[in-house]
Amino acid sequence: MYTREPILLGLTGVYCAGKNYVGSLLEELGCGVLDVDKLGHRAIELEKEAIVARFGSSILAEDGSIDRKKLGERVFGQKEELTALEALVHPRANRLTEEWIAASNQRVLVINAALLHRSSVFSRLRCIIFVRAPLLTRLLRAKRRDKLPFSTLLQRFKSQKEFIPQYFSQNADIHTVNNRGYFRFRASHRRETLKRRLGAILSREGIEI
């Protein structure tokens, strides 16, 4: 376990900008990276009883676990339902985040979260790395990954607009990373370009790993 207070960095970005890919590069540079979105999946299972009590058994899969797709369809676009779900899941996810930080043996820890501004550690972040990508690139990535209709994808893009400005209104350094690449034949060049950019960000923040 790291005995001194670790340096906390935030990692977030717009839908399908590639923040998880950027997170993997930060791991290569020596940072510990927590995927809070995956942690949220665990929080959902841990809060299964309360979630089923609130939303009913129709959100369960055949094996009795919570079907996250069904749950997502239930709350997407329904502000009251989404707020109710977040009230159940976010406190648990925050506790799991704090436990991960306390147990870590690394000096620099990155909190990778789509809803970073709602994390309990938000006020403790040294800086925020915000990942962007062109709209067309994001649409192509989302279509390939999620296989949803373009109309649904555009709704997801639109739903992020309400919280993106919150990052830029905080008293924290924000470093924008442009993850423009899509075609695989440019993957190696894009990877090295992004790693140099991330290394420069860490250096600017006075962080040596």
Protein backbone atom coordinates (compact mmCIF):
# COMPACT_ATOMS: atom_id res chain seq x y z
CA MET A 1 0.00 0.00 0.00
CA TYR A 2 1.24 3.49 -0.87
CA THR A 3 1.85 5.18 2.50
CA ARG A 4 1.48 8.81 1.38
CA GLU A 5 -1.61 10.49 -0.02
CA PRO A 6 -1.75 9.51 -3.72
CA ILE A 7 -2.06 12.03 -6.51
CA LEU A 8 -5.56 11.78 -7.97
CA LEU A 9 -6.28 12.61 -11.60
CA GLY A 10 -9.64 12.59 -13.34
CA LEU A 11 -10.33 11.09 -16.76
CA THR A 12 -13.58 11.71 -18.58
CA GLY A 13 -14.88 12.65 -22.00
CA VAL A 14 -17.76 12.69 -24.41
CA TYR A 15 -19.54 9.51 -25.51
CA CYS A 16 -17.28 7.24 -27.59
CA ALA A 17 -14.38 9.69 -27.55
CA GLY A 18 -12.13 6.84 -26.39
CA LYS A 19 -11.45 7.63 -22.73
CA ASN A 20 -10.95 3.94 -21.89
CA TYR A 21 -8.25 3.74 -24.56
CA VAL A 22 -6.61 6.83 -23.08
CA GLY A 23 -6.88 5.17 -19.67
CA SER A 24 -4.96 2.14 -20.95
CA LEU A 25 -2.18 4.45 -22.15
CA LEU A 26 -2.02 6.09 -18.72
CA GLU A 27 -1.59 2.61 -17.24
CA GLU A 28 1.33 2.04 -19.60
CA LEU A 29 2.83 5.28 -18.31
CA GLY A 30 2.69 3.93 -14.75
CA CYS A 31 -0.61 5.23 -13.37
CA GLY A 32 -3.18 3.16 -11.54
CA VAL A 33 -6.51 3.49 -13.35
CA LEU A 34 -9.96 2.80 -11.89
CA ASP A 35 -12.80 2.28 -14.38
CA VAL A 36 -15.70 3.69 -12.38
CA ASP A 37 -18.20 2.67 -15.05
CA LYS A 38 -17.26 -0.99 -14.50
CA LEU A 39 -17.30 -0.35 -10.77
CA GLY A 40 -20.86 0.84 -11.27
CA HIS A 41 -21.76 -2.59 -12.64
CA ARG A 42 -20.56 -4.13 -9.39
CA ALA A 43 -22.46 -1.51 -7.39
CA ILE A 44 -25.63 -2.43 -9.27
CA GLU A 45 -25.27 -6.08 -8.31
CA LEU A 46 -24.52 -5.19 -4.69
CA GLU A 47 -27.65 -3.02 -4.59
CA LYS A 48 -29.71 -5.60 -6.48
CA GLU A 49 -32.35 -6.05 -3.78
CA ALA A 50 -33.09 -2.32 -3.52
CA ILE A 51 -33.05 -1.85 -7.31
CA VAL A 52 -35.49 -4.71 -7.92
CA ALA A 53 -37.73 -3.37 -5.16
CA ARG A 54 -37.79 0.01 -6.95
CA PHE A 55 -37.99 -1.07 -10.60
CA GLY A 56 -39.53 -4.54 -10.47
CA SER A 57 -38.45 -8.02 -11.56
CA SER A 58 -38.84 -7.19 -15.27
CA ILE A 59 -35.25 -5.87 -15.23
CA LEU A 60 -33.84 -9.29 -14.30
CA ALA A 61 -32.08 -11.62 -16.71
CA GLU A 62 -32.90 -15.33 -16.92
CA ASP A 63 -30.12 -16.19 -14.47
CA GLY A 64 -31.54 -13.81 -11.87
CA SER A 65 -28.93 -11.09 -12.27
CA ILE A 66 -29.84 -7.55 -13.24
CA ASP A 67 -29.99 -7.10 -17.00
CA ARG A 68 -28.22 -3.76 -17.38
CA LYS A 69 -29.62 -3.28 -20.89
CA LYS A 70 -33.20 -3.62 -19.64
CA LEU A 71 -32.44 -1.37 -16.70
CA GLY A 72 -30.88 1.21 -19.01
CA GLU A 73 -33.90 1.17 -21.30
CA ARG A 74 -36.13 1.66 -18.27
CA VAL A 75 -34.39 4.82 -17.06
CA PHE A 76 -33.04 6.37 -20.29
CA GLY A 77 -34.81 9.64 -21.00
CA GLN A 78 -36.82 9.35 -17.77
CA LYS A 79 -35.34 11.88 -15.37
CA GLU A 80 -37.25 10.73 -12.29
CA GLU A 81 -36.37 7.07 -12.88
CA LEU A 82 -32.72 7.88 -13.57
CA THR A 83 -32.49 9.98 -10.41
CA ALA A 84 -33.94 7.11 -8.38
CA LEU A 85 -31.40 4.66 -9.81
CA GLU A 86 -28.48 7.01 -9.20
CA ALA A 87 -29.59 7.51 -5.59
CA LEU A 88 -29.22 3.76 -5.09
CA VAL A 89 -26.03 3.14 -7.06
CA HIS A 90 -23.82 6.23 -6.67
CA PRO A 91 -23.28 6.03 -2.88
CA ARG A 92 -22.16 2.42 -3.23
CA ALA A 93 -19.90 3.27 -6.18
CA ASN A 94 -18.35 6.11 -4.19
CA ARG A 95 -17.59 3.78 -1.28
CA LEU A 96 -15.99 1.27 -3.65
CA THR A 97 -13.92 4.08 -5.16
CA GLU A 98 -12.65 5.17 -1.75
CA GLU A 99 -11.80 1.55 -0.88
CA TRP A 100 -9.82 1.18 -4.11
CA ILE A 101 -7.85 4.35 -3.41
CA ALA A 102 -7.10 3.27 0.17
CA ALA A 103 -5.88 -0.15 -0.96
CA SER A 104 -3.75 1.08 -3.86
CA ASN A 105 0.05 0.88 -3.78
CA GLN A 106 0.58 3.36 -6.63
CA ARG A 107 1.53 7.01 -6.36
CA VAL A 108 -0.63 8.34 -9.20
CA LEU A 109 -4.23 7.19 -9.48
CA VAL A 110 -6.62 7.99 -12.32
CA ILE A 111 -10.38 8.01 -11.77
CA ASN A 112 -11.92 7.14 -15.14
CA ALA A 113 -15.62 8.00 -15.11
CA ALA A 114 -18.26 9.21 -17.54
CA LEU A 115 -19.97 11.07 -14.67
CA LEU A 116 -16.77 12.21 -13.02
CA HIS A 117 -18.37 15.34 -11.57
CA ARG A 118 -20.58 13.13 -9.37
CA SER A 119 -17.69 11.22 -7.83
CA SER A 120 -16.92 11.71 -4.15
CA VAL A 121 -13.28 12.41 -5.07
CA PHE A 122 -14.02 15.16 -7.60
CA SER A 123 -12.87 18.00 -5.34
CA ARG A 124 -9.57 16.18 -4.65
CA LEU A 125 -8.45 15.81 -8.26
CA ARG A 126 -5.12 17.41 -9.22
CA CYS A 127 -6.38 17.85 -12.77
CA ILE A 128 -8.90 16.49 -15.27
CA ILE A 129 -8.02 14.90 -18.59
CA PHE A 130 -10.97 15.47 -20.92
CA VAL A 131 -11.09 13.33 -24.06
CA ARG A 132 -12.67 14.66 -27.24
CA ALA A 133 -13.14 13.33 -30.77
CA PRO A 134 -14.95 14.57 -33.89
CA LEU A 135 -18.69 13.84 -33.98
CA LEU A 136 -18.47 11.64 -37.08
CA THR A 137 -15.66 9.58 -35.56
CA ARG A 138 -17.67 9.11 -32.38
CA LEU A 139 -20.76 8.07 -34.34
CA LEU A 140 -18.79 5.47 -36.28
CA ARG A 141 -17.20 4.12 -33.10
CA ALA A 142 -20.54 4.01 -31.30
CA LYS A 143 -22.28 2.26 -34.19
CA ARG A 144 -19.53 -0.35 -34.38
CA ARG A 145 -19.41 -0.90 -30.61
CA ASP A 146 -23.02 -0.55 -29.45
CA LYS A 147 -24.88 -1.45 -32.66
CA LEU A 148 -27.70 0.99 -31.89
CA PRO A 149 -29.77 3.08 -34.34
CA PHE A 150 -28.25 6.45 -35.18
CA SER A 151 -31.29 8.18 -33.65
CA THR A 152 -30.59 6.49 -30.30
CA LEU A 153 -26.90 7.34 -30.49
CA LEU A 154 -27.67 10.99 -31.16
CA GLN A 155 -29.97 11.02 -28.12
CA ARG A 156 -27.09 9.73 -26.02
CA PHE A 157 -24.81 12.44 -27.39
CA LYS A 158 -27.41 15.06 -26.56
CA SER A 159 -27.89 13.77 -23.00
CA GLN A 160 -24.25 14.61 -22.17
CA LYS A 161 -24.56 18.29 -23.01
CA GLU A 162 -26.04 19.16 -19.62
CA PHE A 163 -23.02 18.07 -17.57
CA ILE A 164 -20.02 18.74 -19.84
CA PRO A 165 -19.92 22.48 -18.94
CA GLN A 166 -19.67 21.53 -15.25
CA TYR A 167 -16.11 20.31 -15.72
CA PHE A 168 -14.99 23.57 -17.25
CA SER A 169 -16.62 25.64 -14.49
CA GLN A 170 -14.62 23.92 -11.72
CA ASN A 171 -11.47 25.30 -10.15
CA ALA A 172 -9.29 22.53 -11.59
CA ASP A 173 -6.79 22.25 -14.40
CA ILE A 174 -8.41 20.67 -17.45
CA HIS A 175 -6.27 19.16 -20.18
CA THR A 176 -8.04 18.33 -23.42
CA VAL A 177 -6.90 15.29 -25.39
CA ASN A 178 -8.09 14.91 -28.98
CA ASN A 179 -8.50 11.26 -29.92
CA ARG A 180 -9.25 11.73 -33.61
CA GLY A 181 -8.23 8.41 -35.07
CA TYR A 182 -10.61 5.78 -36.40
CA PHE A 183 -8.91 3.79 -39.14
CA ARG A 184 -6.71 0.94 -37.93
CA PHE A 185 -3.84 1.59 -40.33
CA ARG A 186 -3.21 4.82 -38.37
CA ALA A 187 -3.52 3.15 -34.95
CA SER A 188 0.21 2.97 -34.19
CA HIS A 189 0.79 6.63 -35.03
CA ARG A 190 -2.27 7.70 -33.02
CA ARG A 191 -1.13 5.66 -30.02
CA GLU A 192 2.32 7.26 -29.91
CA THR A 193 0.88 10.74 -30.42
CA LEU A 194 -1.54 10.27 -27.53
CA LYS A 195 1.16 8.86 -25.24
CA ARG A 196 3.37 11.88 -25.91
CA ARG A 197 0.45 14.18 -25.16
CA LEU A 198 -0.33 12.37 -21.91
CA GLY A 199 3.33 12.39 -20.89
CA ALA A 200 3.41 16.14 -21.49
CA ILE A 201 0.32 16.60 -19.31
CA LEU A 202 1.86 14.65 -16.43
CA SER A 203 5.08 16.64 -16.76
CA ARG A 204 3.18 19.94 -16.77
CA GLU A 205 1.46 18.89 -13.55
CA GLY A 206 4.85 18.13 -11.99
CA ILE A 207 4.17 14.40 -11.87
CA GLU A 208 7.01 11.95 -12.30
CA ILE A 209 6.21 8.24 -12.24
